[in-house]
Amino acid sequence: MPSFDIVSEIDKQEIDNALNQARKELATRFDFKGTVAEIEFEKDQIVLTAEDAS
């Protein structure tokens, strides 16, 4: 019986492009004005940081 391997690879440039677009959205959105909200790519993890609502 034939077999095959499934390989999942990520394109880090595409991730970088998506994160940059999300950063631009956070910077220009009115509902995020005056808040701290950040998106970072650390090693192999995407880290989202935001203020508490209270």
N, C-alpha and C. Protein backbone atom coordinates (compact mmCIF):
# COMPACT_ATOMS: atom_id res chain seq x y z
N MET A 1 0.85 -1.18 0.00
CA MET A 1 0.00 0.00 0.00
C MET A 1 0.89 1.24 0.00
N PRO A 2 0.67 2.19 -0.92
CA PRO A 2 1.51 3.40 -0.97
C PRO A 2 1.25 4.29 0.24
N SER A 3 2.27 5.00 0.64
CA SER A 3 2.13 5.94 1.75
C SER A 3 2.66 7.30 1.32
N PHE A 4 2.31 8.29 2.05
CA PHE A 4 2.81 9.63 1.76
C PHE A 4 2.96 10.40 3.07
N ASP A 5 3.82 11.37 3.05
CA ASP A 5 4.05 12.20 4.22
C ASP A 5 3.40 13.56 4.00
N ILE A 6 2.77 14.05 5.03
CA ILE A 6 2.20 15.39 4.99
C ILE A 6 3.17 16.32 5.71
N VAL A 7 3.61 17.34 5.00
CA VAL A 7 4.56 18.28 5.57
C VAL A 7 3.91 19.65 5.62
N SER A 8 3.95 20.25 6.78
CA SER A 8 3.39 21.58 6.94
C SER A 8 4.52 22.56 7.20
N GLU A 9 4.74 23.45 6.25
CA GLU A 9 5.80 24.44 6.39
C GLU A 9 5.17 25.82 6.41
N ILE A 10 5.77 26.72 7.18
CA ILE A 10 5.27 28.08 7.21
C ILE A 10 6.24 29.00 6.48
N ASP A 11 5.69 30.02 5.88
CA ASP A 11 6.49 31.03 5.21
C ASP A 11 6.60 32.21 6.17
N LYS A 12 7.75 32.38 6.79
CA LYS A 12 7.92 33.42 7.80
C LYS A 12 7.74 34.81 7.22
N GLN A 13 8.01 34.99 5.95
CA GLN A 13 7.79 36.30 5.32
C GLN A 13 6.30 36.63 5.29
N GLU A 14 5.46 35.64 5.02
CA GLU A 14 4.02 35.86 5.02
C GLU A 14 3.51 36.17 6.42
N ILE A 15 4.06 35.50 7.42
CA ILE A 15 3.69 35.81 8.81
C ILE A 15 4.09 37.24 9.15
N ASP A 16 5.29 37.63 8.75
CA ASP A 16 5.76 38.99 9.00
C ASP A 16 4.85 40.01 8.32
N ASN A 17 4.45 39.75 7.09
CA ASN A 17 3.54 40.64 6.38
C ASN A 17 2.19 40.76 7.10
N ALA A 18 1.66 39.64 7.55
CA ALA A 18 0.38 39.64 8.25
C ALA A 18 0.47 40.40 9.57
N LEU A 19 1.57 40.21 10.30
CA LEU A 19 1.74 40.91 11.57
C LEU A 19 1.90 42.41 11.35
N ASN A 20 2.64 42.80 10.32
CA ASN A 20 2.78 44.22 10.02
C ASN A 20 1.44 44.85 9.66
N GLN A 21 0.63 44.14 8.92
CA GLN A 21 -0.70 44.64 8.57
C GLN A 21 -1.56 44.78 9.83
N ALA A 22 -1.50 43.80 10.72
CA ALA A 22 -2.27 43.87 11.97
C ALA A 22 -1.79 45.02 12.84
N ARG A 23 -0.48 45.26 12.88
CA ARG A 23 0.05 46.40 13.65
C ARG A 23 -0.47 47.72 13.10
N LYS A 24 -0.53 47.85 11.78
CA LYS A 24 -1.07 49.06 11.17
C LYS A 24 -2.54 49.25 11.53
N GLU A 25 -3.29 48.16 11.53
CA GLU A 25 -4.70 48.23 11.92
C GLU A 25 -4.85 48.69 13.36
N LEU A 26 -4.04 48.14 14.26
CA LEU A 26 -4.11 48.53 15.67
C LEU A 26 -3.77 50.00 15.85
N ALA A 27 -2.82 50.49 15.09
CA ALA A 27 -2.37 51.88 15.22
C ALA A 27 -3.42 52.87 14.71
N THR A 28 -4.24 52.46 13.75
CA THR A 28 -5.17 53.41 13.13
C THR A 28 -6.62 53.25 13.58
N ARG A 29 -6.94 52.19 14.30
CA ARG A 29 -8.33 51.98 14.72
C ARG A 29 -8.72 52.94 15.83
N PHE A 30 -9.88 53.55 15.70
CA PHE A 30 -10.35 54.51 16.69
C PHE A 30 -10.59 53.84 18.04
N ASP A 31 -11.14 52.63 18.04
CA ASP A 31 -11.47 51.96 19.30
C ASP A 31 -10.24 51.49 20.07
N PHE A 32 -9.05 51.51 19.46
CA PHE A 32 -7.82 51.17 20.17
C PHE A 32 -7.00 52.42 20.51
N LYS A 33 -7.53 53.59 20.20
CA LYS A 33 -6.80 54.83 20.44
C LYS A 33 -6.58 55.02 21.95
N GLY A 34 -5.35 55.32 22.36
CA GLY A 34 -5.04 55.54 23.77
C GLY A 34 -4.83 54.27 24.57
N THR A 35 -4.79 53.12 23.93
CA THR A 35 -4.57 51.86 24.63
C THR A 35 -3.23 51.26 24.22
N VAL A 36 -2.80 50.30 25.01
CA VAL A 36 -1.58 49.57 24.67
C VAL A 36 -2.00 48.22 24.10
N ALA A 37 -1.71 48.00 22.85
CA ALA A 37 -1.99 46.72 22.19
C ALA A 37 -0.84 46.44 21.25
N GLU A 38 -0.20 45.29 21.42
CA GLU A 38 0.97 44.95 20.62
C GLU A 38 0.88 43.53 20.10
N ILE A 39 1.49 43.31 18.96
CA ILE A 39 1.62 41.98 18.37
C ILE A 39 3.09 41.77 18.07
N GLU A 40 3.64 40.65 18.56
CA GLU A 40 5.05 40.36 18.35
C GLU A 40 5.22 38.91 17.90
N PHE A 41 6.26 38.66 17.16
CA PHE A 41 6.60 37.30 16.73
C PHE A 41 7.91 36.94 17.41
N GLU A 42 7.84 36.04 18.39
CA GLU A 42 9.01 35.63 19.16
C GLU A 42 9.27 34.15 18.90
N LYS A 43 10.40 33.87 18.32
CA LYS A 43 10.79 32.50 17.96
C LYS A 43 9.71 31.90 17.08
N ASP A 44 8.95 30.96 17.59
CA ASP A 44 7.88 30.33 16.80
C ASP A 44 6.51 30.60 17.40
N GLN A 45 6.37 31.73 18.11
CA GLN A 45 5.11 32.06 18.75
C GLN A 45 4.69 33.49 18.40
N ILE A 46 3.41 33.69 18.25
CA ILE A 46 2.86 35.03 18.08
C ILE A 46 2.33 35.45 19.44
N VAL A 47 2.81 36.60 19.93
CA VAL A 47 2.45 37.08 21.26
C VAL A 47 1.58 38.32 21.12
N LEU A 48 0.39 38.27 21.71
CA LEU A 48 -0.52 39.41 21.72
C LEU A 48 -0.53 40.00 23.12
N THR A 49 -0.34 41.32 23.22
CA THR A 49 -0.33 42.00 24.50
C THR A 49 -1.33 43.14 24.45
N ALA A 50 -2.19 43.23 25.49
CA ALA A 50 -3.19 44.30 25.53
C ALA A 50 -3.47 44.66 26.98
N GLU A 51 -4.03 45.86 27.17
CA GLU A 51 -4.41 46.31 28.50
C GLU A 51 -5.66 45.57 28.96
N ASP A 52 -5.81 45.53 30.28
CA ASP A 52 -7.02 44.98 30.87
C ASP A 52 -8.14 46.01 30.72
N ALA A 53 -9.35 45.55 30.53
CA ALA A 53 -10.47 46.45 30.29
C ALA A 53 -10.91 47.20 31.55
N SER A 54 -10.52 46.74 32.72
CA SER A 54 -11.02 47.38 33.95
C SER A 54 -10.24 48.58 34.37
